[in-house]
């Protein structure tokens, strides 16, 4: 690991904020269209919206806004520990999991990093911003042996992996994740495992491994499953020794009182969780049936979104926008550049009315 005094290259504003770098550009779309009735399929958020209990808790917490939140989010850490059954001294509360994506390279200063692509673009940006040289293993489908060989050959000081992956929705078996974590530990490489969508796949998490592996950081987001994207809240689970290193570089007060209150109420709302899993499972069956009937290629997804391949995808995205529908253009994912007028899109699973609208658009486009 390099000392902190190393000066990293400064990305240009275009690299930091590309025009279509991410989905979820709802407010930008409203400004451009002038219409509030935008249906946002580009961000993979729970279609139920925020839990009613969480909304009440957030509203009540507004009265506390004159007070600073706990510097390290101590108010929510015990609740997270109890809910996920991990020790409190293994948890770092954060302003969304993206805060930790940037914090980990900044605090640990790796000279080299390895990731699987296509993947969330912020992994590479965060590592580059910290001065690390980034390499990638490409493949639409994850191949464990190929990835293990790349780790053994390059011996990176940091590894980023997403499970289930964004944008494919592919779920890597827990045993395979543990094999990768074991190799990373042997070569003293920190594995940053992003589980932002793991709540949609109950029982498929490496959270419990963090207390005994000082080279593993597991990221969790509360913004996807619990529809708290606008409040920004998530956390990292890691060994206490790693937590100490992260906190040494972490800004205080990044988790506000409203976000904490909403998150705590969301975790306690078990009926909301049941309804979410039921809805997503039902709507995924509907979507997959429609896609297969229309012969539209899509990647088998374990998450609440799909990666699909269609003709003239850029034109389709513009056509959908004119109808008030936002779709994620996946051209800027490494490894998903369009070819021969065929390109990739990603869309979220929403309610039946919205899903039917999107499937009708895709079927008409593909015929």
Protein backbone atom coordinates (compact mmCIF):
# COMPACT_ATOMS: atom_id res chain seq x y z
CA UNK A 1 0.00 0.00 0.00
CA UNK A 2 1.19 3.49 -0.88
CA UNK A 3 1.54 6.28 1.72
CA UNK A 4 -1.26 8.82 1.70
CA UNK A 5 1.07 11.60 0.52
CA UNK A 6 1.03 10.25 -3.04
CA UNK A 7 -0.78 12.72 -5.30
CA UNK A 8 -3.50 10.98 -7.35
CA UNK A 9 -4.46 12.19 -10.83
CA UNK A 10 -7.38 14.63 -10.77
CA UNK A 11 -10.27 13.46 -12.97
CA UNK A 12 -11.92 15.99 -15.24
CA UNK A 13 -15.52 17.06 -14.51
CA UNK A 14 -16.59 15.00 -17.53
CA UNK A 15 -15.04 11.89 -16.06
CA UNK A 16 -16.65 12.50 -12.69
CA UNK A 17 -20.10 13.38 -13.99
CA UNK A 18 -20.64 11.93 -17.47
CA UNK A 19 -23.92 13.01 -19.08
CA UNK A 20 -25.45 9.55 -18.84
CA UNK A 21 -23.11 7.98 -16.30
CA UNK A 22 -25.86 6.49 -14.14
CA UNK A 23 -29.52 5.71 -14.03
CA UNK A 24 -31.87 7.50 -11.69
CA UNK A 25 -31.69 10.89 -13.41
CA UNK A 26 -35.32 11.49 -12.47
CA UNK A 27 -35.08 15.16 -11.55
CA UNK A 28 -33.02 15.95 -14.65
CA UNK A 29 -35.66 14.20 -16.78
CA UNK A 30 -38.44 16.20 -15.14
CA UNK A 31 -36.56 19.45 -15.80
CA UNK A 32 -35.97 18.56 -19.44
CA UNK A 33 -39.46 17.24 -20.16
CA UNK A 34 -41.41 19.62 -17.98
CA UNK A 35 -43.65 16.70 -17.03
CA UNK A 36 -43.74 15.29 -13.47
CA UNK A 37 -45.18 11.93 -14.59
CA UNK A 38 -41.84 10.31 -15.42
CA UNK A 39 -41.65 6.52 -14.98
CA UNK A 40 -38.05 5.76 -14.01
CA UNK A 41 -36.96 2.26 -15.03
CA UNK A 42 -33.32 3.38 -15.04
CA UNK A 43 -32.95 3.16 -11.23
CA UNK A 44 -33.56 -0.23 -9.60
CA UNK A 45 -35.59 0.87 -6.59
CA UNK A 46 -38.36 -0.99 -4.76
CA UNK A 47 -41.59 -0.25 -6.69
CA UNK A 48 -43.58 -0.15 -3.44
CA UNK A 49 -41.84 3.08 -2.53
CA UNK A 50 -40.84 3.97 1.01
CA UNK A 51 -42.50 1.98 3.79
CA UNK A 52 -45.37 3.87 5.46
CA UNK A 53 -43.74 3.20 8.83
CA UNK A 54 -40.45 4.58 7.53
CA UNK A 55 -42.18 7.65 6.14
CA UNK A 56 -43.77 8.38 9.52
CA UNK A 57 -40.44 7.89 11.28
CA UNK A 58 -38.67 10.18 8.83
CA UNK A 59 -41.35 12.85 9.22
CA UNK A 60 -41.10 12.68 13.01
CA UNK A 61 -37.30 12.90 12.81
CA UNK A 62 -37.48 16.23 10.99
CA UNK A 63 -38.16 17.84 14.37
CA UNK A 64 -34.63 16.79 15.38
CA UNK A 65 -33.00 18.54 12.43
CA UNK A 66 -31.55 21.30 14.61
CA UNK A 67 -29.29 18.69 16.23
CA UNK A 68 -26.17 17.16 14.76
CA UNK A 69 -26.43 13.43 14.06
CA UNK A 70 -23.96 11.11 15.80
CA UNK A 71 -20.55 11.64 14.14
CA UNK A 72 -20.20 8.00 13.04
CA UNK A 73 -23.89 7.13 12.86
CA UNK A 74 -23.81 5.36 16.21
CA UNK A 75 -27.59 5.67 16.48
CA UNK A 76 -28.17 3.12 13.74
CA UNK A 77 -25.18 0.80 14.17
CA UNK A 78 -26.72 -1.25 17.00
CA UNK A 79 -29.92 -1.66 14.97
CA UNK A 80 -27.96 -2.82 11.93
CA UNK A 81 -25.95 -5.22 14.08
CA UNK A 82 -29.08 -6.80 15.54
CA UNK A 83 -30.87 -7.03 12.20
CA UNK A 84 -27.98 -8.55 10.26
CA UNK A 85 -26.55 -10.51 13.21
CA UNK A 86 -23.04 -9.08 13.02
CA UNK A 87 -21.02 -7.37 15.81
CA UNK A 88 -21.44 -3.57 16.12
CA UNK A 89 -17.68 -3.09 16.04
CA UNK A 90 -17.72 -4.51 12.49
CA UNK A 91 -20.10 -1.87 11.08
CA UNK A 92 -19.35 1.48 9.43
CA UNK A 93 -22.53 3.48 8.77
CA UNK A 94 -22.44 5.52 5.58
CA UNK A 95 -24.20 7.98 3.33
CA UNK A 96 -25.09 5.18 0.93
CA UNK A 97 -22.66 2.40 0.04
CA UNK A 98 -21.00 4.67 -2.54
CA UNK A 99 -19.39 6.57 0.32
CA UNK A 100 -17.50 3.41 1.27
CA UNK A 101 -16.61 2.66 -2.35
CA UNK A 102 -14.58 5.88 -2.32
CA UNK A 103 -13.51 5.66 1.32
CA UNK A 104 -11.87 2.22 1.06
CA UNK A 105 -9.27 3.12 -1.64
CA UNK A 106 -8.69 6.53 -0.04
CA UNK A 107 -8.00 4.99 3.37
CA UNK A 108 -6.11 1.86 2.31
CA UNK A 109 -4.14 3.38 -0.62
CA UNK A 110 -3.78 0.34 -2.88
CA UNK A 111 -1.27 0.62 -5.71
CA UNK A 112 -3.27 -1.81 -7.85
CA UNK A 113 -6.87 -2.96 -8.05
CA UNK A 114 -8.76 -5.67 -9.92
CA UNK A 115 -12.45 -5.79 -10.79
CA UNK A 116 -14.83 -7.78 -12.91
CA UNK A 117 -16.45 -6.00 -15.84
CA UNK A 118 -19.08 -4.99 -16.73
CA UNK A 119 -19.65 -3.48 -13.30
CA UNK A 120 -20.62 -0.30 -11.47
CA UNK A 121 -18.39 2.48 -12.85
CA UNK A 122 -17.68 4.04 -9.45
CA UNK A 123 -15.32 1.17 -8.51
CA UNK A 124 -12.80 2.22 -11.14
CA UNK A 125 -13.30 5.93 -10.50
CA UNK A 126 -12.74 5.49 -6.77
CA UNK A 127 -9.55 3.51 -7.29
CA UNK A 128 -8.24 5.92 -9.93
CA UNK A 129 -8.98 8.87 -7.64
CA UNK A 130 -6.80 7.21 -4.98
CA UNK A 131 -3.99 6.70 -7.50
CA UNK A 132 -4.41 2.95 -8.03
CA UNK A 133 -3.79 1.22 -11.34
CA UNK A 134 -6.95 -0.69 -12.27
CA UNK A 135 -7.22 -3.84 -14.35
CA UNK A 136 -10.34 -5.84 -15.16
CA UNK A 137 -11.46 -9.34 -16.00
CA UNK A 138 -14.07 -9.08 -18.74
CA UNK A 139 -17.00 -11.37 -19.29
CA UNK A 140 -20.76 -10.95 -19.37
CA UNK A 141 -21.00 -14.04 -17.18
CA UNK A 142 -18.72 -14.37 -14.16
CA UNK A 143 -16.18 -17.22 -14.32
CA UNK A 144 -14.70 -18.03 -10.92
CA UNK A 145 -11.57 -19.82 -12.12
CA UNK A 146 -10.77 -17.05 -14.59
CA UNK A 147 -11.11 -14.49 -11.82
CA UNK A 148 -9.04 -16.51 -9.36
CA UNK A 149 -6.30 -16.90 -11.97
CA UNK A 150 -6.28 -13.15 -12.55
CA UNK A 151 -5.95 -12.53 -8.80
CA UNK A 152 -3.11 -15.04 -8.49
CA UNK A 153 -1.31 -13.59 -11.51
CA UNK A 154 -1.64 -9.86 -10.84
CA UNK A 155 -1.77 -9.93 -7.02
CA UNK A 156 -3.80 -6.72 -6.74
CA UNK A 157 -3.89 -4.93 -3.41
CA UNK A 158 -7.64 -4.35 -3.71
CA UNK A 159 -10.42 -6.28 -5.45
CA UNK A 160 -13.92 -5.04 -6.24
CA UNK A 161 -16.73 -7.48 -6.89
CA UNK A 162 -20.51 -7.02 -6.97
CA UNK A 163 -22.98 -9.75 -5.98
CA UNK A 164 -25.56 -9.85 -7.46
CA UNK A 165 -23.79 -7.97 -10.20
CA UNK A 166 -24.85 -4.65 -11.64
CA UNK A 167 -25.78 -4.47 -14.54
CA UNK A 168 -26.29 -8.18 -15.28
CA UNK A 169 -28.10 -9.26 -12.10
CA UNK A 170 -25.96 -12.41 -11.97
CA UNK A 171 -25.67 -14.04 -8.54
CA UNK A 172 -22.33 -15.63 -7.67
CA UNK A 173 -22.60 -18.69 -5.42
CA UNK A 174 -21.62 -18.00 -1.80
CA UNK A 175 -19.03 -20.80 -1.87
CA UNK A 176 -17.38 -19.13 -4.88
CA UNK A 177 -17.31 -15.80 -3.06
CA UNK A 178 -15.67 -17.48 -0.05
CA UNK A 179 -13.03 -19.05 -2.31
CA UNK A 180 -12.21 -15.63 -3.73
CA UNK A 181 -12.12 -14.10 -0.25
CA UNK A 182 -9.79 -16.85 0.94
CA UNK A 183 -7.33 -16.23 -1.91
CA UNK A 184 -7.50 -12.48 -1.36
CA UNK A 185 -6.66 -13.01 2.29
CA UNK A 186 -3.69 -15.26 1.45
CA UNK A 187 -2.13 -12.60 -0.77
CA UNK A 188 -3.18 -9.80 1.63
CA UNK A 189 -5.50 -8.17 -0.85
CA UNK A 190 -8.65 -6.42 0.42
CA UNK A 191 -11.79 -7.74 -1.23
CA UNK A 192 -14.54 -5.12 -1.39
CA UNK A 193 -17.75 -7.05 -2.00
CA UNK A 194 -20.69 -4.88 -3.03
CA UNK A 195 -23.99 -6.45 -1.95
CA UNK A 196 -26.19 -3.46 -2.78
CA UNK A 197 -28.92 -5.74 -4.18
CA UNK A 198 -28.45 -8.67 -1.81
CA UNK A 199 -31.73 -8.00 0.02
CA UNK A 200 -33.50 -9.23 -3.09
CA UNK A 201 -31.66 -12.57 -2.70
CA UNK A 202 -32.22 -13.68 0.93
CA UNK A 203 -29.59 -16.03 2.29
CA UNK A 204 -26.92 -15.07 -0.25
CA UNK A 205 -24.51 -12.88 1.68
CA UNK A 206 -20.96 -12.93 3.00
CA UNK A 207 -21.71 -10.53 5.87
CA UNK A 208 -21.01 -13.11 8.56
CA UNK A 209 -17.48 -13.65 7.22
CA UNK A 210 -16.38 -10.10 7.91
CA UNK A 211 -15.82 -10.57 11.66
CA UNK A 212 -13.17 -13.22 11.03
CA UNK A 213 -11.54 -12.01 7.80
CA UNK A 214 -9.42 -8.84 8.11
CA UNK A 215 -9.21 -8.58 4.31
CA UNK A 216 -12.93 -8.45 3.53
CA UNK A 217 -15.29 -5.47 3.30
CA UNK A 218 -18.95 -6.14 2.50
CA UNK A 219 -21.02 -3.17 1.35
CA UNK A 220 -24.77 -3.01 1.87
CA UNK A 221 -27.23 -0.42 0.63
CA UNK A 222 -30.55 0.36 2.26
CA UNK A 223 -31.59 2.60 -0.63
CA UNK A 224 -32.57 -0.08 -3.19
CA UNK A 225 -34.72 -2.56 -1.28
CA UNK A 226 -36.18 0.03 1.10
CA UNK A 227 -36.65 2.82 -1.48
CA UNK A 228 -34.50 5.33 0.42
CA UNK A 229 -32.36 6.47 -2.51
CA UNK A 230 -33.05 10.15 -1.88
CA UNK A 231 -32.06 9.87 1.78
CA UNK A 232 -28.75 8.08 1.11
CA UNK A 233 -27.95 5.40 3.68
CA UNK A 234 -25.93 2.19 3.71
CA UNK A 235 -23.12 0.56 5.61
CA UNK A 236 -19.97 -1.50 5.40
CA UNK A 237 -19.27 -4.63 7.42
CA UNK A 238 -15.63 -5.41 8.03
CA UNK A 239 -13.15 -6.68 10.62
CA UNK A 240 -12.64 -4.23 13.54
CA UNK A 241 -9.04 -3.68 12.41
CA UNK A 242 -10.26 -2.61 8.98
CA UNK A 243 -12.99 -0.47 10.51
CA UNK A 244 -10.37 1.45 12.46
CA UNK A 245 -8.47 2.21 9.24
CA UNK A 246 -11.62 3.34 7.44
CA UNK A 247 -12.78 5.60 10.28
CA UNK A 248 -9.40 7.34 10.29
CA UNK A 249 -10.29 8.80 6.86
CA UNK A 250 -14.06 9.03 7.13
CA UNK A 251 -15.83 12.38 7.41
CA UNK A 252 -18.11 12.78 10.46
CA UNK A 253 -21.89 13.34 10.36
CA UNK A 254 -22.46 11.78 6.94
CA UNK A 255 -25.60 9.87 8.02
CA UNK A 256 -28.35 12.34 8.88
CA UNK A 257 -31.03 11.84 11.53
CA UNK A 258 -33.88 11.53 9.02
CA UNK A 259 -32.11 8.81 7.04
CA UNK A 260 -31.30 6.90 10.24
CA UNK A 261 -34.89 7.06 11.47
CA UNK A 262 -36.28 5.92 8.12
CA UNK A 263 -33.77 3.08 7.89
CA UNK A 264 -34.45 1.81 11.41
CA UNK A 265 -38.21 1.80 10.78
CA UNK A 266 -37.70 0.08 7.40
CA UNK A 267 -35.68 -2.75 8.91
CA UNK A 268 -38.40 -3.33 11.51
CA UNK A 269 -41.20 -3.43 8.92
CA UNK A 270 -41.23 -7.17 8.21
CA UNK A 271 -44.54 -7.06 6.34
CA UNK A 272 -43.05 -4.52 3.92
CA UNK A 273 -40.17 -6.91 3.30
CA UNK A 274 -42.53 -9.83 2.63
CA UNK A 275 -44.67 -7.78 0.26
CA UNK A 276 -41.58 -6.61 -1.61
CA UNK A 277 -40.24 -10.12 -2.20
CA UNK A 278 -43.67 -11.34 -3.27
CA UNK A 279 -44.14 -8.44 -5.70
CA UNK A 280 -40.67 -8.74 -7.25
CA UNK A 281 -40.99 -12.51 -7.72
CA UNK A 282 -44.43 -12.15 -9.34
CA UNK A 283 -43.42 -9.32 -11.65
CA UNK A 284 -40.19 -11.01 -12.69
CA UNK A 285 -42.19 -14.02 -13.86
CA UNK A 286 -44.40 -11.70 -15.88
CA UNK A 287 -41.46 -9.79 -17.40
CA UNK A 288 -39.50 -12.91 -18.28
CA UNK A 289 -42.54 -14.44 -19.94
CA UNK A 290 -43.05 -11.34 -22.07
CA UNK A 291 -39.36 -11.07 -22.99
CA UNK A 292 -39.16 -14.72 -23.99
CA UNK A 293 -42.34 -14.50 -26.03
CA UNK A 294 -40.92 -11.50 -27.90
CA UNK A 295 -37.53 -13.24 -28.35
CA UNK A 296 -35.71 -10.38 -26.59
CA UNK A 297 -32.34 -11.47 -25.24
CA UNK A 298 -31.95 -10.82 -21.52
CA UNK A 299 -29.49 -11.96 -18.89
CA UNK A 300 -30.92 -14.27 -16.18
CA UNK A 301 -31.22 -11.94 -13.20
CA UNK A 302 -31.36 -12.64 -9.47
CA UNK A 303 -31.95 -8.96 -8.71
CA UNK A 304 -34.76 -6.48 -9.32
CA UNK A 305 -33.58 -5.42 -12.79
CA UNK A 306 -32.73 -6.89 -16.19
CA UNK A 307 -30.02 -6.39 -18.76
CA UNK A 308 -31.44 -6.74 -22.28
CA UNK A 309 -30.01 -6.47 -25.78
CA UNK A 310 -32.04 -4.73 -28.49
CA UNK A 311 -31.60 -3.23 -31.93
CA UNK A 312 -31.06 0.54 -32.27
CA UNK A 313 -30.98 0.81 -28.50
CA UNK A 314 -30.10 4.53 -28.39
CA UNK A 315 -33.08 5.35 -30.59
CA UNK A 316 -35.30 3.19 -28.39
CA UNK A 317 -34.18 5.05 -25.26
CA UNK A 318 -35.04 8.39 -26.89
CA UNK A 319 -38.40 7.09 -28.08
CA UNK A 320 -39.22 5.78 -24.59
CA UNK A 321 -38.24 9.12 -23.04
CA UNK A 322 -40.70 10.94 -25.29
CA UNK A 323 -43.36 8.71 -23.73
CA UNK A 324 -42.18 9.60 -20.22
CA UNK A 325 -40.17 6.40 -19.64
CA UNK A 326 -36.54 6.42 -18.48
CA UNK A 327 -34.33 3.48 -19.50
CA UNK A 328 -30.69 2.92 -18.53
CA UNK A 329 -28.34 3.09 -21.50
CA UNK A 330 -25.57 0.58 -20.73
CA UNK A 331 -23.13 1.80 -23.41
CA UNK A 332 -20.77 3.27 -20.81
CA UNK A 333 -20.37 -0.02 -18.93
CA UNK A 334 -17.00 -1.47 -19.80
CA UNK A 335 -17.60 -4.42 -22.11
CA UNK A 336 -21.12 -3.39 -23.19
CA UNK A 337 -20.37 -1.00 -26.04
CA UNK A 338 -22.94 -1.29 -28.87
CA UNK A 339 -22.01 -3.17 -32.03
CA UNK A 340 -23.79 -3.48 -35.38
CA UNK A 341 -26.64 -1.27 -34.13
CA UNK A 342 -27.26 -3.71 -31.27
CA UNK A 343 -26.88 -2.35 -27.77
CA UNK A 344 -27.65 -3.04 -24.13
CA UNK A 345 -30.24 -1.49 -21.86
CA UNK A 346 -31.06 -2.09 -18.19
CA UNK A 347 -34.48 -1.66 -16.68
CA UNK A 348 -35.91 -2.11 -13.19
CA UNK A 349 -38.77 -4.34 -12.10
CA UNK A 350 -41.74 -2.16 -11.22
CA UNK A 351 -45.49 -2.68 -10.72
CA UNK A 352 -47.68 -4.50 -13.25
CA UNK A 353 -49.06 -1.37 -14.92
CA UNK A 354 -45.59 0.07 -15.50
CA UNK A 355 -44.07 -3.28 -16.49
CA UNK A 356 -46.84 -3.87 -19.03
CA UNK A 357 -46.19 -0.46 -20.56
CA UNK A 358 -42.48 -1.17 -20.94
CA UNK A 359 -43.01 -4.68 -22.32
CA UNK A 360 -45.45 -3.28 -24.90
CA UNK A 361 -42.83 -0.73 -25.97
CA UNK A 362 -40.14 -3.39 -26.26
CA UNK A 363 -42.36 -5.83 -28.15
CA UNK A 364 -43.43 -3.18 -30.65
CA UNK A 365 -39.81 -2.11 -31.09
CA UNK A 366 -38.55 -5.65 -31.58
CA UNK A 367 -41.21 -6.78 -34.08
